[in-house]
All heavy atoms as atom14 arrays in JSON, in Angstrom:
{
  "sequence": "STTIIVLFVGIIVINVFFPFKVLYRQLFKKNDFHIEISEPVIVA",
  "atom14_mask": [
    [1, 1, 1, 1, 1, 1, 0, 0, 0, 0, 0, 0, 0, 0],
    [1, 1, 1, 1, 1, 1, 1, 0, 0, 0, 0, 0, 0, 0],
    [1, 1, 1, 1, 1, 1, 1, 0, 0, 0, 0, 0, 0, 0],
    [1, 1, 1, 1, 1, 1, 1, 1, 0, 0, 0, 0, 0, 0],
    [1, 1, 1, 1, 1, 1, 1, 1, 0, 0, 0, 0, 0, 0],
    [1, 1, 1, 1, 1, 1, 1, 0, 0, 0, 0, 0, 0, 0],
    [1, 1, 1, 1, 1, 1, 1, 1, 0, 0, 0, 0, 0, 0],
    [1, 1, 1, 1, 1, 1, 1, 1, 1, 1, 1, 0, 0, 0],
    [1, 1, 1, 1, 1, 1, 1, 0, 0, 0, 0, 0, 0, 0],
    [1, 1, 1, 1, 0, 0, 0, 0, 0, 0, 0, 0, 0, 0],
    [1, 1, 1, 1, 1, 1, 1, 1, 0, 0, 0, 0, 0, 0],
    [1, 1, 1, 1, 1, 1, 1, 1, 0, 0, 0, 0, 0, 0],
    [1, 1, 1, 1, 1, 1, 1, 0, 0, 0, 0, 0, 0, 0],
    [1, 1, 1, 1, 1, 1, 1, 1, 0, 0, 0, 0, 0, 0],
    [1, 1, 1, 1, 1, 1, 1, 1, 0, 0, 0, 0, 0, 0],
    [1, 1, 1, 1, 1, 1, 1, 0, 0, 0, 0, 0, 0, 0],
    [1, 1, 1, 1, 1, 1, 1, 1, 1, 1, 1, 0, 0, 0],
    [1, 1, 1, 1, 1, 1, 1, 1, 1, 1, 1, 0, 0, 0],
    [1, 1, 1, 1, 1, 1, 1, 0, 0, 0, 0, 0, 0, 0],
    [1, 1, 1, 1, 1, 1, 1, 1, 1, 1, 1, 0, 0, 0],
    [1, 1, 1, 1, 1, 1, 1, 1, 1, 0, 0, 0, 0, 0],
    [1, 1, 1, 1, 1, 1, 1, 0, 0, 0, 0, 0, 0, 0],
    [1, 1, 1, 1, 1, 1, 1, 1, 0, 0, 0, 0, 0, 0],
    [1, 1, 1, 1, 1, 1, 1, 1, 1, 1, 1, 1, 0, 0],
    [1, 1, 1, 1, 1, 1, 1, 1, 1, 1, 1, 0, 0, 0],
    [1, 1, 1, 1, 1, 1, 1, 1, 1, 0, 0, 0, 0, 0],
    [1, 1, 1, 1, 1, 1, 1, 1, 0, 0, 0, 0, 0, 0],
    [1, 1, 1, 1, 1, 1, 1, 1, 1, 1, 1, 0, 0, 0],
    [1, 1, 1, 1, 1, 1, 1, 1, 1, 0, 0, 0, 0, 0],
    [1, 1, 1, 1, 1, 1, 1, 1, 1, 0, 0, 0, 0, 0],
    [1, 1, 1, 1, 1, 1, 1, 1, 0, 0, 0, 0, 0, 0],
    [1, 1, 1, 1, 1, 1, 1, 1, 0, 0, 0, 0, 0, 0],
    [1, 1, 1, 1, 1, 1, 1, 1, 1, 1, 1, 0, 0, 0],
    [1, 1, 1, 1, 1, 1, 1, 1, 1, 1, 0, 0, 0, 0],
    [1, 1, 1, 1, 1, 1, 1, 1, 0, 0, 0, 0, 0, 0],
    [1, 1, 1, 1, 1, 1, 1, 1, 1, 0, 0, 0, 0, 0],
    [1, 1, 1, 1, 1, 1, 1, 1, 0, 0, 0, 0, 0, 0],
    [1, 1, 1, 1, 1, 1, 0, 0, 0, 0, 0, 0, 0, 0],
    [1, 1, 1, 1, 1, 1, 1, 1, 1, 0, 0, 0, 0, 0],
    [1, 1, 1, 1, 1, 1, 1, 0, 0, 0, 0, 0, 0, 0],
    [1, 1, 1, 1, 1, 1, 1, 0, 0, 0, 0, 0, 0, 0],
    [1, 1, 1, 1, 1, 1, 1, 1, 0, 0, 0, 0, 0, 0],
    [1, 1, 1, 1, 1, 1, 1, 0, 0, 0, 0, 0, 0, 0],
    [1, 1, 1, 1, 1, 0, 0, 0, 0, 0, 0, 0, 0, 0]
  ],
  "atom14_positions": [
    [[-7.88, 233.1, -91.08], [-7.18, 234.05, -90.21], [-8.14, 234.67, -89.2], [-7.84, 234.8, -88.01], [-6.52, 235.14, -91.05], [-5.57, 234.59, -91.94], [0.0, 0.0, 0.0], [0.0, 0.0, 0.0], [0.0, 0.0, 0.0], [0.0, 0.0, 0.0], [0.0, 0.0, 0.0], [0.0, 0.0, 0.0], [0.0, 0.0, 0.0], [0.0, 0.0, 0.0]],
    [[-9.33, 235.05, -89.7], [-10.34, 235.64, -88.81], [-10.78, 234.64, -87.75], [-10.94, 234.99, -86.58], [-11.56, 236.11, -89.63], [-11.13, 237.01, -90.65], [-12.58, 236.77, -88.73], [0.0, 0.0, 0.0], [0.0, 0.0, 0.0], [0.0, 0.0, 0.0], [0.0, 0.0, 0.0], [0.0, 0.0, 0.0], [0.0, 0.0, 0.0], [0.0, 0.0, 0.0]],
    [[-10.98, 233.38, -88.18], [-11.4, 232.33, -87.23], [-10.36, 232.13, -86.13], [-10.68, 232.01, -84.95], [-11.63, 231.01, -87.98], [-12.62, 231.21, -88.98], [-12.1, 229.93, -87.0], [0.0, 0.0, 0.0], [0.0, 0.0, 0.0], [0.0, 0.0, 0.0], [0.0, 0.0, 0.0], [0.0, 0.0, 0.0], [0.0, 0.0, 0.0], [0.0, 0.0, 0.0]],
    [[-9.08, 232.08, -86.54], [-8.01, 231.88, -85.57], [-7.94, 233.04, -84.59], [-7.78, 232.85, -83.38], [-6.66, 231.7, -86.31], [-6.65, 230.38, -87.08], [-5.5, 231.75, -85.31], [-5.45, 230.21, -88.0], [0.0, 0.0, 0.0], [0.0, 0.0, 0.0], [0.0, 0.0, 0.0], [0.0, 0.0, 0.0], [0.0, 0.0, 0.0], [0.0, 0.0, 0.0]],
    [[-8.08, 234.26, -85.13], [-8.04, 235.44, -84.25], [-9.2, 235.41, -83.27], [-9.03, 235.67, -82.07], [-8.08, 236.73, -85.1], [-6.79, 236.87, -85.91], [-8.3, 237.95, -84.22], [-6.81, 238.0, -86.92], [0.0, 0.0, 0.0], [0.0, 0.0, 0.0], [0.0, 0.0, 0.0], [0.0, 0.0, 0.0], [0.0, 0.0, 0.0], [0.0, 0.0, 0.0]],
    [[-10.41, 235.08, -83.75], [-11.6, 235.0, -82.88], [-11.42, 233.95, -81.8], [-11.72, 234.17, -80.62], [-12.87, 234.71, -83.72], [-14.04, 234.4, -82.8], [-13.2, 235.9, -84.61], [0.0, 0.0, 0.0], [0.0, 0.0, 0.0], [0.0, 0.0, 0.0], [0.0, 0.0, 0.0], [0.0, 0.0, 0.0], [0.0, 0.0, 0.0], [0.0, 0.0, 0.0]],
    [[-10.89, 232.77, -82.19], [-10.64, 231.71, -81.21], [-9.62, 232.14, -80.18], [-9.77, 231.89, -78.98], [-10.17, 230.44, -81.93], [-11.22, 229.66, -82.71], [-10.57, 228.52, -83.49], [-12.28, 229.11, -81.77], [0.0, 0.0, 0.0], [0.0, 0.0, 0.0], [0.0, 0.0, 0.0], [0.0, 0.0, 0.0], [0.0, 0.0, 0.0], [0.0, 0.0, 0.0]],
    [[-8.56, 232.79, -80.65], [-7.5, 233.24, -79.75], [-8.05, 234.26, -78.75], [-7.8, 234.17, -77.54], [-6.36, 233.87, -80.56], [-5.21, 234.33, -79.72], [-4.35, 233.41, -79.14], [-4.99, 235.68, -79.5], [-3.28, 233.82, -78.36], [-3.94, 236.1, -78.73], [-3.07, 235.18, -78.15], [0.0, 0.0, 0.0], [0.0, 0.0, 0.0], [0.0, 0.0, 0.0]],
    [[-8.82, 235.24, -79.24], [-9.43, 236.24, -78.35], [-10.41, 235.57, -77.4], [-10.47, 235.89, -76.21], [-10.13, 237.34, -79.18], [-10.93, 238.27, -78.27], [-9.13, 238.12, -80.0], [0.0, 0.0, 0.0], [0.0, 0.0, 0.0], [0.0, 0.0, 0.0], [0.0, 0.0, 0.0], [0.0, 0.0, 0.0], [0.0, 0.0, 0.0], [0.0, 0.0, 0.0]],
    [[-11.18, 234.6, -77.93], [-12.14, 233.89, -77.08], [-11.46, 233.15, -75.94], [-11.93, 233.14, -74.81], [0.0, 0.0, 0.0], [0.0, 0.0, 0.0], [0.0, 0.0, 0.0], [0.0, 0.0, 0.0], [0.0, 0.0, 0.0], [0.0, 0.0, 0.0], [0.0, 0.0, 0.0], [0.0, 0.0, 0.0], [0.0, 0.0, 0.0], [0.0, 0.0, 0.0]],
    [[-10.32, 232.51, -76.25], [-9.57, 231.78, -75.22], [-9.07, 232.74, -74.15], [-9.15, 232.45, -72.95], [-8.39, 231.03, -75.86], [-8.91, 229.85, -76.7], [-7.42, 230.53, -74.79], [-7.84, 229.17, -77.53], [0.0, 0.0, 0.0], [0.0, 0.0, 0.0], [0.0, 0.0, 0.0], [0.0, 0.0, 0.0], [0.0, 0.0, 0.0], [0.0, 0.0, 0.0]],
    [[-8.59, 233.91, -74.57], [-8.11, 234.9, -73.6], [-9.25, 235.37, -72.7], [-9.11, 235.47, -71.48], [-7.47, 236.1, -74.34], [-6.2, 235.66, -75.05], [-7.18, 237.23, -73.36], [-5.57, 236.75, -75.91], [0.0, 0.0, 0.0], [0.0, 0.0, 0.0], [0.0, 0.0, 0.0], [0.0, 0.0, 0.0], [0.0, 0.0, 0.0], [0.0, 0.0, 0.0]],
    [[-10.41, 235.65, -73.31], [-11.57, 236.13, -72.55], [-12.03, 235.07, -71.55], [-12.29, 235.35, -70.37], [-12.72, 236.51, -73.49], [-13.99, 236.79, -72.69], [-12.34, 237.72, -74.33], [0.0, 0.0, 0.0], [0.0, 0.0, 0.0], [0.0, 0.0, 0.0], [0.0, 0.0, 0.0], [0.0, 0.0, 0.0], [0.0, 0.0, 0.0], [0.0, 0.0, 0.0]],
    [[-12.12, 233.8, -72.02], [-12.54, 232.71, -71.13], [-11.57, 232.56, -69.97], [-11.96, 232.39, -68.81], [-12.66, 231.39, -71.91], [-13.82, 231.48, -72.91], [-12.85, 230.21, -70.97], [-13.89, 230.3, -73.86], [0.0, 0.0, 0.0], [0.0, 0.0, 0.0], [0.0, 0.0, 0.0], [0.0, 0.0, 0.0], [0.0, 0.0, 0.0], [0.0, 0.0, 0.0]],
    [[-10.27, 232.66, -70.27], [-9.26, 232.5, -69.22], [-9.33, 233.61, -68.17], [-9.02, 233.39, -67.01], [-7.87, 232.45, -69.84], [-6.79, 232.13, -68.82], [-6.82, 231.06, -68.24], [-5.86, 233.04, -68.62], [0.0, 0.0, 0.0], [0.0, 0.0, 0.0], [0.0, 0.0, 0.0], [0.0, 0.0, 0.0], [0.0, 0.0, 0.0], [0.0, 0.0, 0.0]],
    [[-9.76, 234.81, -68.6], [-9.89, 235.92, -67.65], [-10.98, 235.63, -66.64], [-10.82, 235.82, -65.44], [-10.18, 237.24, -68.41], [-10.61, 238.33, -67.41], [-8.96, 237.68, -69.18], [0.0, 0.0, 0.0], [0.0, 0.0, 0.0], [0.0, 0.0, 0.0], [0.0, 0.0, 0.0], [0.0, 0.0, 0.0], [0.0, 0.0, 0.0], [0.0, 0.0, 0.0]],
    [[-12.13, 235.14, -67.15], [-13.27, 234.91, -66.26], [-13.19, 233.56, -65.55], [-13.74, 233.39, -64.47], [-14.58, 235.0, -67.05], [-14.91, 236.4, -67.49], [-14.62, 236.83, -68.77], [-15.5, 237.29, -66.6], [-14.91, 238.12, -69.17], [-15.79, 238.59, -67.0], [-15.49, 239.01, -68.27], [0.0, 0.0, 0.0], [0.0, 0.0, 0.0], [0.0, 0.0, 0.0]],
    [[-12.53, 232.58, -66.15], [-12.39, 231.28, -65.51], [-11.02, 230.72, -65.88], [-10.88, 230.01, -66.86], [-13.5, 230.32, -65.96], [-13.63, 229.12, -65.06], [-14.41, 229.17, -63.91], [-12.95, 227.94, -65.35], [-14.53, 228.08, -63.07], [-13.06, 226.85, -64.51], [-13.86, 226.92, -63.37], [0.0, 0.0, 0.0], [0.0, 0.0, 0.0], [0.0, 0.0, 0.0]],
    [[-10.01, 231.05, -65.08], [-8.63, 230.66, -65.42], [-8.48, 229.17, -65.64], [-9.06, 228.35, -64.91], [-7.83, 231.14, -64.19], [-8.66, 232.24, -63.62], [-10.08, 231.85, -63.87], [0.0, 0.0, 0.0], [0.0, 0.0, 0.0], [0.0, 0.0, 0.0], [0.0, 0.0, 0.0], [0.0, 0.0, 0.0], [0.0, 0.0, 0.0], [0.0, 0.0, 0.0]],
    [[-7.7, 228.81, -66.64], [-7.52, 227.4, -66.96], [-6.85, 226.63, -65.82], [-7.11, 225.44, -65.63], [-6.69, 227.26, -68.24], [-7.38, 227.78, -69.46], [-6.72, 228.6, -70.36], [-8.72, 227.48, -69.7], [-7.36, 229.09, -71.48], [-9.37, 227.97, -70.82], [-8.7, 228.78, -71.72], [0.0, 0.0, 0.0], [0.0, 0.0, 0.0], [0.0, 0.0, 0.0]],
    [[-5.99, 227.31, -65.07], [-5.34, 226.61, -63.95], [-6.36, 226.23, -62.88], [-6.21, 225.21, -62.21], [-4.22, 227.45, -63.35], [-4.65, 228.76, -62.72], [-3.45, 229.49, -62.15], [-3.85, 230.78, -61.46], [-2.69, 231.49, -60.9], [0.0, 0.0, 0.0], [0.0, 0.0, 0.0], [0.0, 0.0, 0.0], [0.0, 0.0, 0.0], [0.0, 0.0, 0.0]],
    [[-7.41, 227.06, -62.73], [-8.48, 226.72, -61.79], [-9.25, 225.51, -62.29], [-9.57, 224.59, -61.55], [-9.42, 227.92, -61.58], [-10.6, 227.53, -60.71], [-8.66, 229.08, -60.94], [0.0, 0.0, 0.0], [0.0, 0.0, 0.0], [0.0, 0.0, 0.0], [0.0, 0.0, 0.0], [0.0, 0.0, 0.0], [0.0, 0.0, 0.0], [0.0, 0.0, 0.0]],
    [[-9.57, 225.51, -63.61], [-10.27, 224.37, -64.2], [-9.44, 223.1, -64.06], [-9.96, 222.04, -63.71], [-10.55, 224.66, -65.68], [-11.22, 223.53, -66.48], [-12.6, 223.23, -65.91], [-11.33, 223.9, -67.95], [0.0, 0.0, 0.0], [0.0, 0.0, 0.0], [0.0, 0.0, 0.0], [0.0, 0.0, 0.0], [0.0, 0.0, 0.0], [0.0, 0.0, 0.0]],
    [[-8.15, 223.22, -64.28], [-7.25, 222.06, -64.15], [-7.28, 221.52, -62.72], [-7.35, 220.32, -62.49], [-5.84, 222.46, -64.55], [-4.8, 221.36, -64.37], [-4.72, 220.31, -65.26], [-3.92, 221.4, -63.28], [-3.79, 219.31, -65.1], [-2.99, 220.4, -63.11], [-2.93, 219.35, -64.02], [-2.0, 218.36, -63.84], [0.0, 0.0, 0.0], [0.0, 0.0, 0.0]],
    [[-7.21, 222.45, -61.75], [-7.24, 222.03, -60.34], [-8.51, 221.28, -60.03], [-8.5, 220.24, -59.36], [-7.11, 223.25, -59.42], [-5.73, 223.83, -59.33], [-5.55, 224.6, -58.05], [-6.48, 225.7, -57.93], [-6.2, 226.97, -58.22], [-5.01, 227.27, -58.69], [-7.07, 227.92, -58.05], [0.0, 0.0, 0.0], [0.0, 0.0, 0.0], [0.0, 0.0, 0.0]],
    [[-9.65, 221.81, -60.48], [-10.93, 221.21, -60.14], [-11.12, 219.85, -60.81], [-11.74, 218.96, -60.25], [-12.06, 222.16, -60.53], [-12.09, 223.42, -59.67], [-13.3, 224.29, -59.97], [-14.02, 224.06, -60.93], [-13.51, 225.29, -59.15], [0.0, 0.0, 0.0], [0.0, 0.0, 0.0], [0.0, 0.0, 0.0], [0.0, 0.0, 0.0], [0.0, 0.0, 0.0]],
    [[-10.55, 219.69, -62.02], [-10.74, 218.43, -62.74], [-9.74, 217.36, -62.33], [-10.09, 216.18, -62.27], [-10.64, 218.69, -64.24], [-11.76, 219.52, -64.88], [-11.48, 219.73, -66.36], [-13.11, 218.83, -64.68], [0.0, 0.0, 0.0], [0.0, 0.0, 0.0], [0.0, 0.0, 0.0], [0.0, 0.0, 0.0], [0.0, 0.0, 0.0], [0.0, 0.0, 0.0]],
    [[-8.5, 217.75, -62.05], [-7.46, 216.75, -61.9], [-6.66, 216.82, -60.59], [-6.01, 215.86, -60.22], [-6.46, 216.86, -63.06], [-7.11, 216.77, -64.41], [-7.2, 217.89, -65.21], [-7.63, 215.58, -64.86], [-7.8, 217.82, -66.45], [-8.23, 215.49, -66.11], [-8.33, 216.61, -66.91], [0.0, 0.0, 0.0], [0.0, 0.0, 0.0], [0.0, 0.0, 0.0]],
    [[-6.68, 217.95, -59.9], [-5.75, 218.13, -58.8], [-6.44, 218.61, -57.53], [-6.0, 219.56, -56.89], [-4.67, 219.14, -59.19], [-3.71, 218.63, -60.24], [-2.66, 217.73, -59.62], [-1.57, 217.38, -60.6], [-0.5, 216.57, -59.99], [0.0, 0.0, 0.0], [0.0, 0.0, 0.0], [0.0, 0.0, 0.0], [0.0, 0.0, 0.0], [0.0, 0.0, 0.0]],
    [[-7.54, 218.01, -57.13], [-8.25, 218.44, -55.93], [-7.33, 218.38, -54.71], [-6.64, 217.4, -54.49], [-9.48, 217.56, -55.7], [-10.63, 217.83, -56.66], [-11.81, 216.94, -56.33], [-12.94, 217.15, -57.33], [-14.08, 216.23, -57.07], [0.0, 0.0, 0.0], [0.0, 0.0, 0.0], [0.0, 0.0, 0.0], [0.0, 0.0, 0.0], [0.0, 0.0, 0.0]],
    [[-7.37, 219.46, -53.94], [-6.64, 219.54, -52.68], [-5.12, 219.4, -52.85], [-4.42, 218.98, -51.93], [-7.15, 218.49, -51.68], [-8.54, 218.81, -51.17], [-8.92, 219.99, -51.09], [-9.31, 217.81, -50.83], [0.0, 0.0, 0.0], [0.0, 0.0, 0.0], [0.0, 0.0, 0.0], [0.0, 0.0, 0.0], [0.0, 0.0, 0.0], [0.0, 0.0, 0.0]],
    [[-4.61, 219.73, -54.03], [-3.17, 219.71, -54.24], [-2.59, 221.09, -53.91], [-2.11, 221.82, -54.77], [-2.86, 219.33, -55.69], [-1.38, 219.06, -55.89], [-0.67, 218.87, -54.87], [-0.93, 219.07, -57.04], [0.0, 0.0, 0.0], [0.0, 0.0, 0.0], [0.0, 0.0, 0.0], [0.0, 0.0, 0.0], [0.0, 0.0, 0.0], [0.0, 0.0, 0.0]],
    [[-2.68, 221.44, -52.65], [-2.16, 222.71, -52.16], [-1.75, 222.52, -50.71], [-2.07, 221.49, -50.1], [-3.21, 223.83, -52.26], [-4.43, 223.59, -51.4], [-4.48, 224.05, -50.08], [-5.52, 222.89, -51.89], [-5.59, 223.82, -49.28], [-6.64, 222.67, -51.09], [-6.67, 223.13, -49.79], [0.0, 0.0, 0.0], [0.0, 0.0, 0.0], [0.0, 0.0, 0.0]],
    [[-1.05, 223.47, -50.16], [-0.75, 223.4, -48.74], [-1.06, 224.74, -48.08], [-1.15, 225.77, -48.75], [0.7, 222.98, -48.49], [1.72, 223.97, -48.95], [2.23, 223.99, -50.24], [2.33, 225.0, -48.3], [3.1, 224.96, -50.36], [3.2, 225.6, -49.21], [0.0, 0.0, 0.0], [0.0, 0.0, 0.0], [0.0, 0.0, 0.0], [0.0, 0.0, 0.0]],
    [[-1.23, 224.68, -46.77], [-1.58, 225.86, -45.99], [-0.32, 226.42, -45.33], [0.44, 225.68, -44.7], [-2.62, 225.52, -44.9], [-3.96, 225.15, -45.54], [-2.81, 226.68, -43.94], [-5.0, 224.72, -44.53], [0.0, 0.0, 0.0], [0.0, 0.0, 0.0], [0.0, 0.0, 0.0], [0.0, 0.0, 0.0], [0.0, 0.0, 0.0], [0.0, 0.0, 0.0]],
    [[-0.1, 227.71, -45.51], [0.99, 228.39, -44.8], [0.37, 229.2, -43.66], [-0.54, 230.0, -43.87], [1.74, 229.32, -45.76], [2.47, 228.57, -46.86], [3.14, 229.52, -47.84], [2.89, 230.74, -47.74], [3.9, 229.05, -48.69], [0.0, 0.0, 0.0], [0.0, 0.0, 0.0], [0.0, 0.0, 0.0], [0.0, 0.0, 0.0], [0.0, 0.0, 0.0]],
    [[0.86, 228.98, -42.45], [0.34, 229.65, -41.26], [1.39, 230.6, -40.72], [2.51, 230.18, -40.4], [-0.07, 228.62, -40.19], [-1.1, 227.64, -40.76], [-0.62, 229.33, -38.95], [-1.49, 226.52, -39.82], [0.0, 0.0, 0.0], [0.0, 0.0, 0.0], [0.0, 0.0, 0.0], [0.0, 0.0, 0.0], [0.0, 0.0, 0.0], [0.0, 0.0, 0.0]],
    [[1.06, 231.86, -40.62], [2.03, 232.87, -40.19], [2.26, 232.79, -38.68], [1.52, 232.12, -37.95], [1.53, 234.26, -40.55], [0.46, 234.65, -39.7], [0.0, 0.0, 0.0], [0.0, 0.0, 0.0], [0.0, 0.0, 0.0], [0.0, 0.0, 0.0], [0.0, 0.0, 0.0], [0.0, 0.0, 0.0], [0.0, 0.0, 0.0], [0.0, 0.0, 0.0]],
    [[3.26, 233.51, -38.22], [3.49, 233.65, -36.79], [2.35, 234.47, -36.17], [1.74, 235.31, -36.85], [4.83, 234.34, -36.52], [6.04, 233.49, -36.9], [6.08, 232.2, -36.11], [5.95, 232.26, -34.86], [6.24, 231.14, -36.73], [0.0, 0.0, 0.0], [0.0, 0.0, 0.0], [0.0, 0.0, 0.0], [0.0, 0.0, 0.0], [0.0, 0.0, 0.0]],
    [[2.05, 234.26, -34.88], [0.92, 234.97, -34.27], [1.2, 236.45, -34.04], [2.35, 236.86, -33.82], [0.73, 234.24, -32.94], [2.07, 233.65, -32.63], [2.66, 233.28, -33.96], [0.0, 0.0, 0.0], [0.0, 0.0, 0.0], [0.0, 0.0, 0.0], [0.0, 0.0, 0.0], [0.0, 0.0, 0.0], [0.0, 0.0, 0.0], [0.0, 0.0, 0.0]],
    [[0.15, 237.24, -34.11], [0.19, 238.66, -33.79], [-0.76, 238.89, -32.62], [-1.9, 238.42, -32.63], [-0.23, 239.53, -34.99], [-0.39, 240.99, -34.58], [0.77, 239.39, -36.12], [0.0, 0.0, 0.0], [0.0, 0.0, 0.0], [0.0, 0.0, 0.0], [0.0, 0.0, 0.0], [0.0, 0.0, 0.0], [0.0, 0.0, 0.0], [0.0, 0.0, 0.0]],
    [[-0.3, 239.62, -31.61], [-1.13, 239.89, -30.43], [-2.17, 240.96, -30.75], [-1.83, 242.04, -31.23], [-0.26, 240.34, -29.25], [0.67, 239.21, -28.8], [-1.14, 240.79, -28.08], [1.65, 239.63, -27.7], [0.0, 0.0, 0.0], [0.0, 0.0, 0.0], [0.0, 0.0, 0.0], [0.0, 0.0, 0.0], [0.0, 0.0, 0.0], [0.0, 0.0, 0.0]],
    [[-3.43, 240.63, -30.49], [-4.49, 241.64, -30.57], [-4.59, 242.38, -29.24], [-4.56, 243.61, -29.19], [-5.85, 240.98, -30.9], [-6.98, 242.01, -30.86], [-5.79, 240.29, -32.25], [0.0, 0.0, 0.0], [0.0, 0.0, 0.0], [0.0, 0.0, 0.0], [0.0, 0.0, 0.0], [0.0, 0.0, 0.0], [0.0, 0.0, 0.0], [0.0, 0.0, 0.0]],
    [[-4.69, 241.61, -28.16], [-4.79, 242.2, -26.82], [-4.52, 241.14, -25.77], [-4.68, 239.94, -26.03], [-6.17, 242.81, -26.61], [0.0, 0.0, 0.0], [0.0, 0.0, 0.0], [0.0, 0.0, 0.0], [0.0, 0.0, 0.0], [0.0, 0.0, 0.0], [0.0, 0.0, 0.0], [0.0, 0.0, 0.0], [0.0, 0.0, 0.0], [0.0, 0.0, 0.0]]
  ]
}
């Protein structure tokens, strides 16, 4: 029970500092995103 709790807490801590979805992207899904470009705003 203690081991499972420690592992569970460890997984949560690791995910906070290095999210699993980021790891997944870097390992398997490079550049699987798109760019959204807003309408222009006049500065001057």
